[in-house]
Amino acid sequence: APEQGQFTTVGFYPPSRRLRLNARTREGGSIL
């Protein structure tokens, strides 16, 4: 997402209770 973007996953049963992301944010960027 060079500027802004969003998406939703399909429904699923989570295999555990916590999330971690492999990601990179640029200056002023973030992920929610």
PDB file of all heavy atoms in Angstrom:
ATOM      1  N   ALA A   1       0.864  -1.181   0.000  1.00  0.00           N
ATOM      2  CA  ALA A   1       0.000   0.000   0.000  1.00  0.00           C
ATOM      3  C   ALA A   1       0.901   1.231   0.000  1.00  0.00           C
ATOM      4  O   ALA A   1       1.279   1.721   1.065  1.00  0.00           O
ATOM      5  CB  ALA A   1      -0.926  -0.004   1.205  1.00  0.00           C
ATOM      6  N   PRO A   2       1.290   1.730  -1.191  1.00  0.00           N
ATOM      7  CA  PRO A   2       2.159   2.910  -1.234  1.00  0.00           C
ATOM      8  C   PRO A   2       1.537   4.118  -0.532  1.00  0.00           C
ATOM      9  O   PRO A   2       2.245   4.920   0.060  1.00  0.00           O
ATOM     10  CB  PRO A   2       2.331   3.185  -2.722  1.00  0.00           C
ATOM     11  CG  PRO A   2       1.978   1.918  -3.405  1.00  0.00           C
ATOM     12  CD  PRO A   2       0.981   1.224  -2.525  1.00  0.00           C
ATOM     13  N   GLU A   3       0.212   4.225  -0.610  1.00  0.00           N
ATOM     14  CA  GLU A   3      -0.475   5.298   0.102  1.00  0.00           C
ATOM     15  C   GLU A   3      -1.417   4.688   1.143  1.00  0.00           C
ATOM     16  O   GLU A   3      -1.087   4.632   2.302  1.00  0.00           O
ATOM     17  CB  GLU A   3      -1.224   6.192  -0.881  1.00  0.00           C
ATOM     18  CG  GLU A   3      -0.265   6.959  -1.786  1.00  0.00           C
ATOM     19  CD  GLU A   3      -0.966   7.840  -2.783  1.00  0.00           C
ATOM     20  OE1 GLU A   3      -2.189   8.052  -2.645  1.00  0.00           O
ATOM     21  OE2 GLU A   3      -0.284   8.307  -3.704  1.00  0.00           O
ATOM     22  N   GLN A   4      -2.602   4.222   0.698  1.00  0.00           N
ATOM     23  CA  GLN A   4      -3.536   3.582   1.624  1.00  0.00           C
ATOM     24  C   GLN A   4      -4.192   2.382   0.969  1.00  0.00           C
ATOM     25  O   GLN A   4      -4.385   2.358  -0.246  1.00  0.00           O
ATOM     26  CB  GLN A   4      -4.622   4.563   2.071  1.00  0.00           C
ATOM     27  CG  GLN A   4      -4.094   5.674   2.936  1.00  0.00           C
ATOM     28  CD  GLN A   4      -5.213   6.529   3.520  1.00  0.00           C
ATOM     29  OE1 GLN A   4      -6.374   6.380   3.181  1.00  0.00           O
ATOM     30  NE2 GLN A   4      -4.842   7.412   4.423  1.00  0.00           N
ATOM     31  N   GLY A   5      -4.527   1.386   1.772  1.00  0.00           N
ATOM     32  CA  GLY A   5      -5.230   0.215   1.275  1.00  0.00           C
ATOM     33  C   GLY A   5      -5.843  -0.547   2.431  1.00  0.00           C
ATOM     34  O   GLY A   5      -5.451  -0.355   3.594  1.00  0.00           O
ATOM     35  N   GLN A   6      -6.804  -1.390   2.116  1.00  0.00           N
ATOM     36  CA  GLN A   6      -7.406  -2.222   3.159  1.00  0.00           C
ATOM     37  C   GLN A   6      -7.945  -3.495   2.536  1.00  0.00           C
ATOM     38  O   GLN A   6      -8.240  -3.548   1.346  1.00  0.00           O
ATOM     39  CB  GLN A   6      -8.488  -1.481   3.929  1.00  0.00           C
ATOM     40  CG  GLN A   6      -9.637  -0.970   3.114  1.00  0.00           C
ATOM     41  CD  GLN A   6     -10.594  -0.145   3.972  1.00  0.00           C
ATOM     42  OE1 GLN A   6     -10.221   0.417   5.006  1.00  0.00           O
ATOM     43  NE2 GLN A   6     -11.827  -0.069   3.553  1.00  0.00           N
ATOM     44  N   PHE A   7      -8.042  -4.536   3.351  1.00  0.00           N
ATOM     45  CA  PHE A   7      -8.619  -5.797   2.906  1.00  0.00           C
ATOM     46  C   PHE A   7      -9.128  -6.566   4.107  1.00  0.00           C
ATOM     47  O   PHE A   7      -8.775  -6.279   5.248  1.00  0.00           O
ATOM     48  CB  PHE A   7      -7.622  -6.624   2.090  1.00  0.00           C
ATOM     49  CG  PHE A   7      -6.463  -7.170   2.891  1.00  0.00           C
ATOM     50  CD1 PHE A   7      -6.519  -8.451   3.424  1.00  0.00           C
ATOM     51  CD2 PHE A   7      -5.314  -6.422   3.082  1.00  0.00           C
ATOM     52  CE1 PHE A   7      -5.450  -8.971   4.147  1.00  0.00           C
ATOM     53  CE2 PHE A   7      -4.242  -6.925   3.796  1.00  0.00           C
ATOM     54  CZ  PHE A   7      -4.315  -8.208   4.329  1.00  0.00           C
ATOM     55  N   THR A   8      -9.969  -7.556   3.825  1.00  0.00           N
ATOM     56  CA  THR A   8     -10.558  -8.422   4.849  1.00  0.00           C
ATOM     57  C   THR A   8     -10.313  -9.870   4.451  1.00  0.00           C
ATOM     58  O   THR A   8     -10.457 -10.222   3.278  1.00  0.00           O
ATOM     59  CB  THR A   8     -12.069  -8.174   4.969  1.00  0.00           C
ATOM     60  OG1 THR A   8     -12.288  -6.799   5.284  1.00  0.00           O
ATOM     61  CG2 THR A   8     -12.695  -9.045   6.042  1.00  0.00           C
ATOM     62  N   THR A   9      -9.953 -10.696   5.411  1.00  0.00           N
ATOM     63  CA  THR A   9      -9.758 -12.119   5.143  1.00  0.00           C
ATOM     64  C   THR A   9     -11.108 -12.819   5.043  1.00  0.00           C
ATOM     65  O   THR A   9     -12.136 -12.269   5.431  1.00  0.00           O
ATOM     66  CB  THR A   9      -8.949 -12.806   6.263  1.00  0.00           C
ATOM     67  OG1 THR A   9      -9.729 -12.815   7.463  1.00  0.00           O
ATOM     68  CG2 THR A   9      -7.614 -12.106   6.493  1.00  0.00           C
ATOM     69  N   VAL A  10     -11.093 -14.027   4.573  1.00  0.00           N
ATOM     70  CA  VAL A  10     -12.280 -14.883   4.644  1.00  0.00           C
ATOM     71  C   VAL A  10     -12.432 -15.333   6.098  1.00  0.00           C
ATOM     72  O   VAL A  10     -11.501 -15.220   6.894  1.00  0.00           O
ATOM     73  CB  VAL A  10     -12.156 -16.114   3.710  1.00  0.00           C
ATOM     74  CG1 VAL A  10     -12.056 -15.674   2.267  1.00  0.00           C
ATOM     75  CG2 VAL A  10     -10.981 -16.976   4.109  1.00  0.00           C
ATOM     76  N   GLY A  11     -13.583 -15.862   6.443  1.00  0.00           N
ATOM     77  CA  GLY A  11     -13.795 -16.364   7.794  1.00  0.00           C
ATOM     78  C   GLY A  11     -12.969 -17.620   8.056  1.00  0.00           C
ATOM     79  O   GLY A  11     -12.785 -18.449   7.170  1.00  0.00           O
ATOM     80  N   PHE A  12     -12.457 -17.745   9.269  1.00  0.00           N
ATOM     81  CA  PHE A  12     -11.654 -18.909   9.645  1.00  0.00           C
ATOM     82  C   PHE A  12     -11.625 -19.048  11.162  1.00  0.00           C
ATOM     83  O   PHE A  12     -11.972 -18.131  11.887  1.00  0.00           O
ATOM     84  CB  PHE A  12     -10.233 -18.803   9.084  1.00  0.00           C
ATOM     85  CG  PHE A  12      -9.436 -17.663   9.678  1.00  0.00           C
ATOM     86  CD1 PHE A  12      -8.573 -17.882  10.739  1.00  0.00           C
ATOM     87  CD2 PHE A  12      -9.558 -16.373   9.173  1.00  0.00           C
ATOM     88  CE1 PHE A  12      -7.845 -16.835  11.285  1.00  0.00           C
ATOM     89  CE2 PHE A  12      -8.834 -15.326   9.711  1.00  0.00           C
ATOM     90  CZ  PHE A  12      -7.977 -15.556  10.769  1.00  0.00           C
ATOM     91  N   TYR A  13     -11.211 -20.228  11.612  1.00  0.00           N
ATOM     92  CA  TYR A  13     -10.993 -20.475  13.035  1.00  0.00           C
ATOM     93  C   TYR A  13      -9.526 -20.190  13.331  1.00  0.00           C
ATOM     94  O   TYR A  13      -8.650 -20.855  12.764  1.00  0.00           O
ATOM     95  CB  TYR A  13     -11.324 -21.921  13.404  1.00  0.00           C
ATOM     96  CG  TYR A  13     -12.797 -22.238  13.318  1.00  0.00           C
ATOM     97  CD1 TYR A  13     -13.334 -22.804  12.166  1.00  0.00           C
ATOM     98  CD2 TYR A  13     -13.641 -21.966  14.386  1.00  0.00           C
ATOM     99  CE1 TYR A  13     -14.683 -23.094  12.074  1.00  0.00           C
ATOM    100  CE2 TYR A  13     -15.004 -22.257  14.312  1.00  0.00           C
ATOM    101  CZ  TYR A  13     -15.507 -22.817  13.147  1.00  0.00           C
ATOM    102  OH  TYR A  13     -16.848 -23.085  13.061  1.00  0.00           O
ATOM    103  N   PRO A  14      -9.227 -19.234  14.191  1.00  0.00           N
ATOM    104  CA  PRO A  14      -7.822 -18.908  14.446  1.00  0.00           C
ATOM    105  C   PRO A  14      -7.106 -20.051  15.156  1.00  0.00           C
ATOM    106  O   PRO A  14      -7.640 -20.629  16.102  1.00  0.00           O
ATOM    107  CB  PRO A  14      -7.899 -17.661  15.334  1.00  0.00           C
ATOM    108  CG  PRO A  14      -9.261 -17.688  15.928  1.00  0.00           C
ATOM    109  CD  PRO A  14     -10.148 -18.402  14.952  1.00  0.00           C
ATOM    110  N   PRO A  15      -5.898 -20.384  14.715  1.00  0.00           N
ATOM    111  CA  PRO A  15      -5.156 -21.491  15.335  1.00  0.00           C
ATOM    112  C   PRO A  15      -4.567 -21.146  16.703  1.00  0.00           C
ATOM    113  O   PRO A  15      -4.185 -22.036  17.444  1.00  0.00           O
ATOM    114  CB  PRO A  15      -4.053 -21.792  14.326  1.00  0.00           C
ATOM    115  CG  PRO A  15      -3.881 -20.533  13.558  1.00  0.00           C
ATOM    116  CD  PRO A  15      -5.213 -19.853  13.541  1.00  0.00           C
ATOM    117  N   SER A  16      -4.466 -19.864  17.020  1.00  0.00           N
ATOM    118  CA  SER A  16      -4.030 -19.446  18.355  1.00  0.00           C
ATOM    119  C   SER A  16      -4.590 -18.048  18.614  1.00  0.00           C
ATOM    120  O   SER A  16      -5.322 -17.504  17.796  1.00  0.00           O
ATOM    121  CB  SER A  16      -2.503 -19.495  18.487  1.00  0.00           C
ATOM    122  OG  SER A  16      -1.921 -18.545  17.638  1.00  0.00           O
ATOM    123  N   ARG A  17      -4.223 -17.452  19.718  1.00  0.00           N
ATOM    124  CA  ARG A  17      -4.911 -16.240  20.178  1.00  0.00           C
ATOM    125  C   ARG A  17      -4.172 -14.935  19.917  1.00  0.00           C
ATOM    126  O   ARG A  17      -4.699 -13.865  20.177  1.00  0.00           O
ATOM    127  CB  ARG A  17      -5.161 -16.369  21.678  1.00  0.00           C
ATOM    128  CG  ARG A  17      -5.787 -17.693  22.060  1.00  0.00           C
ATOM    129  CD  ARG A  17      -7.203 -17.717  22.486  1.00  0.00           C
ATOM    130  NE  ARG A  17      -7.832 -16.478  22.766  1.00  0.00           N
ATOM    131  CZ  ARG A  17      -8.315 -16.133  23.939  1.00  0.00           C
ATOM    132  NH1 ARG A  17      -8.225 -16.923  24.954  1.00  0.00           N
ATOM    133  NH2 ARG A  17      -8.920 -14.985  24.105  1.00  0.00           N
ATOM    134  N   ARG A  18      -2.939 -14.974  19.423  1.00  0.00           N
ATOM    135  CA  ARG A  18      -2.166 -13.749  19.205  1.00  0.00           C
ATOM    136  C   ARG A  18      -1.669 -13.687  17.770  1.00  0.00           C
ATOM    137  O   ARG A  18      -1.485 -14.710  17.126  1.00  0.00           O
ATOM    138  CB  ARG A  18      -0.982 -13.688  20.164  1.00  0.00           C
ATOM    139  CG  ARG A  18      -1.404 -13.458  21.594  1.00  0.00           C
ATOM    140  CD  ARG A  18      -0.210 -13.516  22.557  1.00  0.00           C
ATOM    141  NE  ARG A  18      -0.621 -13.189  23.905  1.00  0.00           N
ATOM    142  CZ  ARG A  18      -1.205 -14.042  24.732  1.00  0.00           C
ATOM    143  NH1 ARG A  18      -1.440 -15.276  24.358  1.00  0.00           N
ATOM    144  NH2 ARG A  18      -1.554 -13.662  25.940  1.00  0.00           N
ATOM    145  N   LEU A  19      -1.439 -12.454  17.286  1.00  0.00           N
ATOM    146  CA  LEU A  19      -0.984 -12.238  15.912  1.00  0.00           C
ATOM    147  C   LEU A  19       0.380 -11.561  15.886  1.00  0.00           C
ATOM    148  O   LEU A  19       0.684 -10.706  16.728  1.00  0.00           O
ATOM    149  CB  LEU A  19      -1.944 -11.291  15.175  1.00  0.00           C
ATOM    150  CG  LEU A  19      -3.289 -11.789  14.746  1.00  0.00           C
ATOM    151  CD1 LEU A  19      -4.089 -10.627  14.161  1.00  0.00           C
ATOM    152  CD2 LEU A  19      -3.130 -12.866  13.709  1.00  0.00           C
ATOM    153  N   ARG A  20       1.147 -11.920  14.877  1.00  0.00           N
ATOM    154  CA  ARG A  20       2.353 -11.155  14.574  1.00  0.00           C
ATOM    155  C   ARG A  20       2.412 -10.982  13.063  1.00  0.00           C
ATOM    156  O   ARG A  20       1.938 -11.828  12.304  1.00  0.00           O
ATOM    157  CB  ARG A  20       3.614 -11.815  15.116  1.00  0.00           C
ATOM    158  CG  ARG A  20       4.011 -13.070  14.393  1.00  0.00           C
ATOM    159  CD  ARG A  20       5.309 -13.607  14.934  1.00  0.00           C
ATOM    160  NE  ARG A  20       5.565 -14.903  14.321  1.00  0.00           N
ATOM    161  CZ  ARG A  20       6.507 -15.709  14.694  1.00  0.00           C
ATOM    162  NH1 ARG A  20       7.297 -15.394  15.690  1.00  0.00           N
ATOM    163  NH2 ARG A  20       6.676 -16.859  14.083  1.00  0.00           N
ATOM    164  N   LEU A  21       2.983  -9.877  12.651  1.00  0.00           N
ATOM    165  CA  LEU A  21       3.064  -9.545  11.238  1.00  0.00           C
ATOM    166  C   LEU A  21       4.517  -9.498  10.785  1.00  0.00           C
ATOM    167  O   LEU A  21       5.390  -9.048  11.526  1.00  0.00           O
ATOM    168  CB  LEU A  21       2.430  -8.176  10.969  1.00  0.00           C
ATOM    169  CG  LEU A  21       1.014  -7.936  11.476  1.00  0.00           C
ATOM    170  CD1 LEU A  21       0.561  -6.534  11.092  1.00  0.00           C
ATOM    171  CD2 LEU A  21       0.055  -8.983  10.950  1.00  0.00           C
ATOM    172  N   ASN A  22       4.754  -9.943   9.568  1.00  0.00           N
ATOM    173  CA  ASN A  22       6.011  -9.709   8.884  1.00  0.00           C
ATOM    174  C   ASN A  22       5.707  -8.538   7.961  1.00  0.00           C
ATOM    175  O   ASN A  22       4.974  -8.687   6.982  1.00  0.00           O
ATOM    176  CB  ASN A  22       6.437 -10.949   8.103  1.00  0.00           C
ATOM    177  CG  ASN A  22       7.760 -10.768   7.375  1.00  0.00           C
ATOM    178  OD1 ASN A  22       8.315  -9.686   7.320  1.00  0.00           O
ATOM    179  ND2 ASN A  22       8.245 -11.852   6.808  1.00  0.00           N
ATOM    180  N   ALA A  23       6.203  -7.354   8.307  1.00  0.00           N
ATOM    181  CA  ALA A  23       5.787  -6.148   7.598  1.00  0.00           C
ATOM    182  C   ALA A  23       6.881  -5.090   7.624  1.00  0.00           C
ATOM    183  O   ALA A  23       7.850  -5.181   8.380  1.00  0.00           O
ATOM    184  CB  ALA A  23       4.522  -5.585   8.235  1.00  0.00           C
ATOM    185  N   ARG A  24       6.668  -4.084   6.777  1.00  0.00           N
ATOM    186  CA  ARG A  24       7.550  -2.915   6.748  1.00  0.00           C
ATOM    187  C   ARG A  24       6.679  -1.689   6.520  1.00  0.00           C
ATOM    188  O   ARG A  24       5.871  -1.662   5.591  1.00  0.00           O
ATOM    189  CB  ARG A  24       8.569  -3.022   5.625  1.00  0.00           C
ATOM    190  CG  ARG A  24       9.500  -1.821   5.531  1.00  0.00           C
ATOM    191  CD  ARG A  24      10.588  -2.037   4.507  1.00  0.00           C
ATOM    192  NE  ARG A  24      10.079  -1.968   3.155  1.00  0.00           N
ATOM    193  CZ  ARG A  24      10.113  -0.875   2.381  1.00  0.00           C
ATOM    194  NH1 ARG A  24      10.634   0.236   2.841  1.00  0.00           N
ATOM    195  NH2 ARG A  24       9.633  -0.924   1.152  1.00  0.00           N
ATOM    196  N   THR A  25       6.835  -0.703   7.399  1.00  0.00           N
ATOM    197  CA  THR A  25       6.127   0.553   7.201  1.00  0.00           C
ATOM    198  C   THR A  25       7.137   1.613   6.793  1.00  0.00           C
ATOM    199  O   THR A  25       8.258   1.640   7.287  1.00  0.00           O
ATOM    200  CB  THR A  25       5.379   1.000   8.474  1.00  0.00           C
ATOM    201  OG1 THR A  25       6.314   1.168   9.536  1.00  0.00           O
ATOM    202  CG2 THR A  25       4.338  -0.027   8.881  1.00  0.00           C
ATOM    203  N   ARG A  26       6.714   2.465   5.865  1.00  0.00           N
ATOM    204  CA  ARG A  26       7.558   3.575   5.444  1.00  0.00           C
ATOM    205  C   ARG A  26       7.349   4.753   6.399  1.00  0.00           C
ATOM    206  O   ARG A  26       6.485   4.706   7.271  1.00  0.00           O
ATOM    207  CB  ARG A  26       7.208   3.962   4.004  1.00  0.00           C
ATOM    208  CG  ARG A  26       7.454   2.843   3.017  1.00  0.00           C
ATOM    209  CD  ARG A  26       6.986   3.272   1.614  1.00  0.00           C
ATOM    210  NE  ARG A  26       6.945   2.137   0.712  1.00  0.00           N
ATOM    211  CZ  ARG A  26       5.909   1.341   0.526  1.00  0.00           C
ATOM    212  NH1 ARG A  26       4.793   1.523   1.195  1.00  0.00           N
ATOM    213  NH2 ARG A  26       5.951   0.343  -0.325  1.00  0.00           N
ATOM    214  N   GLU A  27       8.089   5.830   6.187  1.00  0.00           N
ATOM    215  CA  GLU A  27       7.959   7.009   7.026  1.00  0.00           C
ATOM    216  C   GLU A  27       6.509   7.493   7.037  1.00  0.00           C
ATOM    217  O   GLU A  27       5.901   7.677   5.988  1.00  0.00           O
ATOM    218  CB  GLU A  27       8.863   8.113   6.502  1.00  0.00           C
ATOM    219  CG  GLU A  27       8.898   9.334   7.379  1.00  0.00           C
ATOM    220  CD  GLU A  27       9.872  10.384   6.888  1.00  0.00           C
ATOM    221  OE1 GLU A  27      10.839  10.037   6.203  1.00  0.00           O
ATOM    222  OE2 GLU A  27       9.644  11.562   7.203  1.00  0.00           O
ATOM    223  N   GLY A  28       5.953   7.648   8.215  1.00  0.00           N
ATOM    224  CA  GLY A  28       4.572   8.081   8.365  1.00  0.00           C
ATOM    225  C   GLY A  28       3.547   6.975   8.166  1.00  0.00           C
ATOM    226  O   GLY A  28       2.355   7.215   8.256  1.00  0.00           O
ATOM    227  N   GLY A  29       3.994   5.754   7.901  1.00  0.00           N
ATOM    228  CA  GLY A  29       3.083   4.646   7.639  1.00  0.00           C
ATOM    229  C   GLY A  29       2.734   3.862   8.888  1.00  0.00           C
ATOM    230  O   GLY A  29       3.387   3.980   9.923  1.00  0.00           O
ATOM    231  N   SER A  30       1.692   3.045   8.767  1.00  0.00           N
ATOM    232  CA  SER A  30       1.276   2.188   9.876  1.00  0.00           C
ATOM    233  C   SER A  30       0.334   1.115   9.354  1.00  0.00           C
ATOM    234  O   SER A  30      -0.170   1.196   8.236  1.00  0.00           O
ATOM    235  CB  SER A  30       0.572   2.993  10.971  1.00  0.00           C
ATOM    236  OG  SER A  30      -0.653   3.497  10.486  1.00  0.00           O
ATOM    237  N   ILE A  31       0.114   0.125  10.190  1.00  0.00           N
ATOM    238  CA  ILE A  31      -0.856  -0.936   9.910  1.00  0.00           C
ATOM    239  C   ILE A  31      -1.772  -1.047  11.114  1.00  0.00           C
ATOM    240  O   ILE A  31      -1.310  -1.040  12.261  1.00  0.00           O
ATOM    241  CB  ILE A  31      -0.158  -2.288   9.646  1.00  0.00           C
ATOM    242  CG1 ILE A  31       0.785  -2.180   8.444  1.00  0.00           C
ATOM    243  CG2 ILE A  31      -1.195  -3.398   9.430  1.00  0.00           C
ATOM    244  CD1 ILE A  31       1.643  -3.409   8.203  1.00  0.00           C
ATOM    245  N   LEU A  32      -3.072  -1.143  10.857  1.00  0.00           N
ATOM    246  CA  LEU A  32      -4.074  -1.355  11.904  1.00  0.00           C
ATOM    247  C   LEU A  32      -4.807  -2.657  11.599  1.00  0.00           C
ATOM    248  O   LEU A  32      -5.039  -2.980  10.428  1.00  0.00           O
ATOM    249  CB  LEU A  32      -5.080  -0.203  11.942  1.00  0.00           C
ATOM    250  CG  LEU A  32      -4.520   1.178  12.261  1.00  0.00           C
ATOM    251  CD1 LEU A  32      -5.604   2.236  12.093  1.00  0.00           C
ATOM    252  CD2 LEU A  32      -3.943   1.220  13.664  1.00  0.00           C
TER     253      LEU A  32
END
